[in-house]
N, C-alpha and C. Protein backbone atom coordinates (compact mmCIF):
# COMPACT_ATOMS: atom_id res chain seq x y z
N UNK A 1 -4.81 33.61 -14.96
CA UNK A 1 -4.78 34.72 -15.59
C UNK A 1 -3.82 35.74 -14.69
N UNK A 2 -3.48 36.33 -15.56
CA UNK A 2 -2.40 37.30 -14.76
C UNK A 2 -2.99 38.54 -13.75
N UNK A 3 -2.42 39.43 -13.13
CA UNK A 3 -3.12 40.55 -12.60
C UNK A 3 -4.27 40.90 -13.32
N UNK A 4 -5.57 41.11 -12.39
CA UNK A 4 -6.69 42.19 -13.08
C UNK A 4 -6.79 43.50 -12.65
N UNK A 5 -6.96 44.39 -13.51
CA UNK A 5 -6.89 45.72 -13.35
C UNK A 5 -8.41 46.61 -13.59
N UNK A 6 -8.79 47.05 -12.95
CA UNK A 6 -10.15 47.64 -13.42
C UNK A 6 -9.96 49.03 -12.89
N UNK A 7 -10.17 49.96 -13.94
CA UNK A 7 -10.14 51.43 -13.52
C UNK A 7 -11.69 51.62 -13.42
N UNK A 8 -12.03 52.37 -12.35
CA UNK A 8 -13.60 52.75 -11.83
C UNK A 8 -13.75 54.35 -11.85
N UNK A 9 -14.28 54.65 -12.84
CA UNK A 9 -14.74 56.15 -12.87
C UNK A 9 -16.15 56.03 -12.17
N UNK A 10 -16.09 56.58 -10.95
CA UNK A 10 -17.06 56.86 -10.11
C UNK A 10 -18.31 57.39 -10.33
N UNK A 11 -18.02 58.34 -11.20
CA UNK A 11 -19.14 59.33 -11.58
C UNK A 11 -19.14 60.59 -11.00
N UNK A 12 -20.50 61.23 -10.42
CA UNK A 12 -20.25 62.52 -9.91
C UNK A 12 -19.26 62.82 -8.70
N UNK A 13 -19.24 61.84 -7.84
CA UNK A 13 -18.37 62.06 -6.72
C UNK A 13 -17.24 62.57 -7.21
N UNK A 14 -16.41 62.14 -8.15
CA UNK A 14 -15.16 62.67 -8.53
C UNK A 14 -13.92 61.92 -8.15
N UNK A 15 -14.21 60.66 -7.37
CA UNK A 15 -13.09 59.82 -6.89
C UNK A 15 -13.03 58.51 -7.66
N UNK A 16 -12.37 58.72 -8.64
CA UNK A 16 -11.99 57.44 -9.56
C UNK A 16 -10.73 56.50 -8.76
N UNK A 17 -10.79 55.24 -9.02
CA UNK A 17 -9.78 54.35 -8.32
C UNK A 17 -9.46 53.31 -9.46
N UNK A 18 -8.54 52.67 -8.84
CA UNK A 18 -8.09 51.36 -9.38
C UNK A 18 -8.46 50.02 -8.67
N UNK A 19 -8.73 48.99 -9.00
CA UNK A 19 -9.31 47.97 -8.42
C UNK A 19 -8.13 46.66 -8.94
N UNK A 20 -7.18 46.20 -8.44
CA UNK A 20 -6.33 45.11 -8.81
C UNK A 20 -6.66 43.81 -8.16
N UNK A 21 -6.55 42.78 -8.80
CA UNK A 21 -7.08 41.61 -8.14
C UNK A 21 -5.81 40.48 -8.63
N UNK A 22 -5.42 39.69 -8.15
CA UNK A 22 -4.61 38.49 -8.45
C UNK A 22 -5.10 37.17 -7.94
N UNK A 23 -4.40 36.08 -8.40
CA UNK A 23 -4.89 34.81 -7.84
C UNK A 23 -3.44 34.41 -7.01
N UNK A 24 -3.75 34.44 -5.80
CA UNK A 24 -2.55 33.95 -5.00
C UNK A 24 -2.58 32.64 -4.63
N UNK A 25 -3.70 31.75 -4.56
CA UNK A 25 -3.55 30.26 -4.79
C UNK A 25 -4.74 29.92 -5.40
N UNK A 26 -5.10 28.64 -5.76
CA UNK A 26 -6.39 28.30 -6.09
C UNK A 26 -7.74 28.64 -5.89
N UNK A 27 -7.77 29.30 -4.53
CA UNK A 27 -8.88 29.60 -4.06
C UNK A 27 -8.91 30.91 -3.36
N UNK A 28 -7.90 31.78 -3.69
CA UNK A 28 -7.86 33.07 -2.85
C UNK A 28 -7.45 34.01 -3.90
N UNK A 29 -8.14 34.92 -3.93
CA UNK A 29 -7.70 36.31 -5.06
C UNK A 29 -7.17 37.39 -3.77
N UNK A 30 -5.96 37.93 -4.12
CA UNK A 30 -5.45 39.24 -3.28
C UNK A 30 -6.21 40.38 -4.12
N UNK A 31 -6.37 41.27 -3.44
CA UNK A 31 -7.04 42.63 -3.80
C UNK A 31 -6.12 43.99 -3.52
N UNK A 32 -6.19 44.87 -4.20
CA UNK A 32 -5.61 46.34 -3.86
C UNK A 32 -6.60 47.18 -4.55
N UNK A 33 -7.18 47.97 -3.53
CA UNK A 33 -7.74 49.24 -4.07
C UNK A 33 -7.11 50.51 -4.04
N UNK A 34 -6.73 51.23 -4.98
CA UNK A 34 -5.73 52.42 -4.73
C UNK A 34 -6.40 53.61 -5.63
N UNK A 35 -5.62 54.64 -5.50
CA UNK A 35 -5.81 56.00 -6.13
C UNK A 35 -7.08 56.82 -5.76
N UNK A 36 -7.79 56.33 -4.65
CA UNK A 36 -8.95 57.19 -4.68
C UNK A 36 -8.94 57.94 -3.50
N UNK A 37 -9.29 59.14 -3.59
CA UNK A 37 -9.46 60.26 -2.55
C UNK A 37 -10.22 60.26 -1.69
N UNK A 38 -11.18 59.32 -2.00
CA UNK A 38 -12.57 59.39 -0.77
C UNK A 38 -12.11 58.41 0.40
N UNK A 39 -12.51 58.59 1.36
CA UNK A 39 -12.09 58.31 2.69
C UNK A 39 -12.69 56.87 2.93
N UNK A 40 -14.07 56.95 2.38
CA UNK A 40 -15.00 55.42 2.46
C UNK A 40 -14.13 54.44 1.67
N UNK A 41 -13.57 54.75 0.35
CA UNK A 41 -13.16 53.82 -0.27
C UNK A 41 -11.55 53.54 0.36
N UNK A 42 -11.26 54.26 0.97
CA UNK A 42 -9.71 54.13 1.76
C UNK A 42 -10.02 53.19 2.93
N UNK A 43 -10.91 53.34 3.35
CA UNK A 43 -11.28 52.46 4.56
C UNK A 43 -11.71 50.90 4.03
N UNK A 44 -12.59 51.16 2.91
CA UNK A 44 -12.91 49.70 1.96
C UNK A 44 -11.46 48.81 1.85
N UNK A 45 -10.51 49.95 1.10
CA UNK A 45 -9.32 49.13 0.94
C UNK A 45 -8.53 48.51 2.06
N UNK A 46 -8.60 49.24 3.25
CA UNK A 46 -7.73 48.81 4.16
C UNK A 46 -8.34 47.57 4.98
N UNK A 47 -9.87 47.50 4.79
CA UNK A 47 -10.52 46.14 5.16
C UNK A 47 -10.48 44.96 4.44
N UNK A 48 -10.34 45.10 3.01
CA UNK A 48 -10.16 44.20 2.15
C UNK A 48 -8.91 43.81 1.39
N UNK A 49 -8.14 42.69 1.64
CA UNK A 49 -6.79 42.45 1.15
C UNK A 49 -7.11 41.01 0.11
N UNK A 50 -7.98 40.40 0.61
CA UNK A 50 -8.24 38.99 -0.19
C UNK A 50 -9.61 38.76 0.21
N UNK A 51 -10.05 37.85 -0.97
CA UNK A 51 -11.33 37.16 -0.96
C UNK A 51 -10.88 35.72 -1.30
N UNK A 52 -12.02 34.94 -0.41
CA UNK A 52 -11.91 33.60 -0.89
C UNK A 52 -12.88 32.93 -2.08
N UNK A 53 -12.71 32.10 -2.62
CA UNK A 53 -13.53 31.62 -3.71
C UNK A 53 -15.34 31.64 -3.15
N UNK A 54 -15.13 31.16 -1.85
CA UNK A 54 -16.45 30.93 -1.07
C UNK A 54 -17.06 32.29 -0.95
N UNK A 55 -16.30 33.20 -0.54
CA UNK A 55 -16.82 34.90 -0.26
C UNK A 55 -17.66 35.03 -1.81
N UNK A 56 -17.43 34.97 -2.86
CA UNK A 56 -17.64 35.26 -4.33
C UNK A 56 -19.05 34.78 -4.44
N UNK A 57 -19.53 33.62 -3.58
CA UNK A 57 -20.97 33.08 -3.58
C UNK A 57 -21.74 33.18 -2.40
N UNK A 58 -21.47 34.47 -1.72
CA UNK A 58 -22.52 34.62 -0.44
C UNK A 58 -23.32 35.69 -0.93
N UNK A 59 -24.39 35.62 -0.06
CA UNK A 59 -25.56 36.68 -0.78
C UNK A 59 -24.82 37.97 -0.25
N UNK A 60 -25.28 39.13 -0.36
CA UNK A 60 -24.70 40.32 -0.17
C UNK A 60 -25.03 40.77 1.14
N UNK A 61 -25.99 40.41 1.94
CA UNK A 61 -25.82 40.60 3.42
C UNK A 61 -24.98 39.87 4.18
N UNK A 62 -24.15 38.81 3.72
CA UNK A 62 -23.24 38.06 4.32
C UNK A 62 -21.94 38.00 3.71
N UNK A 63 -21.79 38.84 2.62
CA UNK A 63 -20.80 38.97 1.83
C UNK A 63 -19.76 39.89 2.27
N UNK A 64 -18.30 39.36 2.42
CA UNK A 64 -17.40 40.49 3.29
C UNK A 64 -17.10 41.93 2.37
N UNK A 65 -17.33 41.74 1.01
CA UNK A 65 -17.17 43.11 -0.03
C UNK A 65 -18.12 44.09 0.71
N UNK A 66 -19.33 43.72 0.60
CA UNK A 66 -20.45 44.52 1.08
C UNK A 66 -20.73 44.94 2.24
N UNK A 67 -20.21 43.78 3.31
CA UNK A 67 -20.20 44.34 4.58
C UNK A 67 -19.24 45.17 5.25
N UNK A 68 -17.81 45.04 4.30
CA UNK A 68 -17.03 46.16 4.73
C UNK A 68 -17.29 47.55 4.10
N UNK A 69 -17.98 47.29 2.78
CA UNK A 69 -18.36 48.80 2.21
C UNK A 69 -19.38 49.32 2.97
N UNK A 70 -20.47 48.63 3.75
CA UNK A 70 -21.40 49.18 4.51
C UNK A 70 -20.49 49.78 5.67
N UNK A 71 -19.53 49.30 6.65
CA UNK A 71 -18.84 49.53 7.42
C UNK A 71 -18.10 50.88 7.40
N UNK A 72 -17.65 50.95 6.05
CA UNK A 72 -16.85 52.19 5.50
C UNK A 72 -17.83 53.12 5.01
N UNK A 73 -19.06 52.82 5.22
CA UNK A 73 -20.00 53.96 4.77
C UNK A 73 -20.15 54.42 3.29
N UNK A 74 -19.83 53.59 2.38
CA UNK A 74 -19.97 53.72 1.01
C UNK A 74 -21.35 53.90 0.70
N UNK A 75 -21.47 54.81 -0.22
CA UNK A 75 -22.76 55.23 -1.00
C UNK A 75 -23.34 54.02 -1.27
N UNK A 76 -24.74 53.90 -1.29
CA UNK A 76 -25.29 52.41 -2.02
C UNK A 76 -24.85 52.31 -3.17
N UNK A 77 -25.03 53.29 -4.18
CA UNK A 77 -24.77 53.39 -5.42
C UNK A 77 -23.02 53.22 -6.15
N UNK A 78 -22.34 53.40 -5.13
CA UNK A 78 -20.98 53.52 -5.30
C UNK A 78 -20.69 51.97 -6.43
N UNK A 79 -20.01 52.27 -7.40
CA UNK A 79 -19.76 50.95 -7.96
C UNK A 79 -18.52 50.23 -7.89
N UNK A 80 -17.71 51.06 -6.62
CA UNK A 80 -16.61 50.29 -6.39
C UNK A 80 -16.66 48.99 -5.86
N UNK A 81 -17.56 48.66 -4.90
CA UNK A 81 -17.84 47.13 -4.35
C UNK A 81 -18.02 46.12 -5.33
N UNK A 82 -18.85 46.82 -6.44
CA UNK A 82 -19.17 45.57 -7.48
C UNK A 82 -17.88 45.42 -8.33
N UNK A 83 -17.07 46.66 -8.40
CA UNK A 83 -15.54 46.29 -9.55
C UNK A 83 -14.81 45.49 -8.62
N UNK A 84 -14.60 45.31 -7.24
CA UNK A 84 -13.84 44.54 -6.28
C UNK A 84 -14.33 43.02 -6.68
N UNK A 85 -15.78 42.67 -6.75
CA UNK A 85 -16.09 41.90 -6.97
C UNK A 85 -15.88 40.91 -7.94
N UNK A 86 -15.93 41.84 -9.08
CA UNK A 86 -15.82 41.44 -10.56
C UNK A 86 -14.41 40.86 -10.86
N UNK A 87 -13.57 41.84 -10.27
CA UNK A 87 -12.07 41.59 -10.54
C UNK A 87 -11.47 40.36 -9.57
N UNK A 88 -11.94 40.08 -8.60
CA UNK A 88 -11.75 38.76 -7.82
C UNK A 88 -12.30 37.53 -8.87
N UNK A 89 -13.55 37.67 -9.34
CA UNK A 89 -14.29 36.61 -10.04
C UNK A 89 -13.18 36.29 -11.64
N UNK A 90 -12.95 37.55 -11.80
CA UNK A 90 -11.95 37.16 -13.03
C UNK A 90 -10.44 36.77 -12.79
N UNK A 91 -9.88 37.20 -11.67
CA UNK A 91 -8.57 36.62 -11.02
C UNK A 91 -8.90 35.06 -10.60
N UNK A 92 -9.98 34.88 -10.39
CA UNK A 92 -9.93 33.26 -9.61
C UNK A 92 -10.51 32.39 -11.03
N UNK A 93 -10.63 32.99 -12.27
CA UNK A 93 -11.14 32.40 -13.37
C UNK A 93 -12.57 31.82 -13.41
N UNK A 94 -13.65 32.82 -12.61
CA UNK A 94 -14.88 32.42 -12.52
C UNK A 94 -15.37 33.13 -13.85
N UNK A 95 -15.04 34.15 -14.03
CA UNK A 95 -15.60 35.11 -15.09
C UNK A 95 -14.78 35.49 -16.07
N UNK A 96 -15.16 36.18 -17.37
CA UNK A 96 -14.32 36.53 -18.15
C UNK A 96 -14.29 37.95 -18.17
N UNK A 97 -12.97 38.67 -18.40
CA UNK A 97 -12.83 40.20 -18.36
C UNK A 97 -13.88 40.89 -19.83
N UNK A 98 -14.79 41.50 -19.15
CA UNK A 98 -15.80 42.04 -20.20
C UNK A 98 -16.39 43.41 -19.29
N UNK A 99 -16.03 44.60 -20.13
CA UNK A 99 -16.44 45.59 -19.57
C UNK A 99 -17.88 45.91 -19.37
N UNK A 100 -18.27 46.92 -18.11
CA UNK A 100 -19.47 46.78 -17.66
C UNK A 100 -19.83 48.47 -17.90
N UNK A 101 -20.86 48.63 -18.27
CA UNK A 101 -21.16 50.21 -18.39
C UNK A 101 -22.62 50.44 -17.94
N UNK A 102 -22.79 51.49 -17.49
CA UNK A 102 -24.07 52.13 -16.75
C UNK A 102 -24.08 53.37 -17.73
N UNK A 103 -25.03 53.65 -18.35
CA UNK A 103 -25.38 54.66 -19.54
C UNK A 103 -26.84 55.22 -19.24
N UNK A 104 -26.64 56.57 -18.65
CA UNK A 104 -27.98 57.39 -18.66
C UNK A 104 -28.51 57.72 -19.88
N UNK A 105 -29.89 57.42 -20.35
CA UNK A 105 -30.27 57.68 -21.73
C UNK A 105 -31.43 58.66 -21.46
N UNK A 106 -31.22 59.70 -22.44
CA UNK A 106 -32.18 60.89 -22.47
C UNK A 106 -33.45 60.40 -23.10
N UNK A 107 -34.44 61.02 -22.73
CA UNK A 107 -36.15 60.68 -23.20
C UNK A 107 -36.41 59.18 -23.22
N UNK A 108 -36.09 58.23 -22.27
CA UNK A 108 -36.56 57.29 -22.06
C UNK A 108 -37.83 57.06 -21.64
N UNK A 109 -38.73 56.22 -22.37
CA UNK A 109 -40.13 56.25 -21.93
C UNK A 109 -40.51 54.83 -21.40
């Protein structure tokens, strides 16, 4: 797989960004999180430059994506850490590129 690029519309905060991932070798994905004016996402970006295939199978409490997101004080519902995980999975051939959507529905009972 070539470079994987995900544009993240972060919602109400208004700080969209782009997550890029690429296969550095068989078990390592390189990462670049760019374009966000959010200080927390900038800290997350500085802390994450690559992920191993093993990282992608760790539980949330031991996963470097979410550890660094917590250290950067990312909001609990920020979609950027999930986009990072998905981009790395696709870059390493562990998942297919498929759009993900959160949609608020009016009048759900």
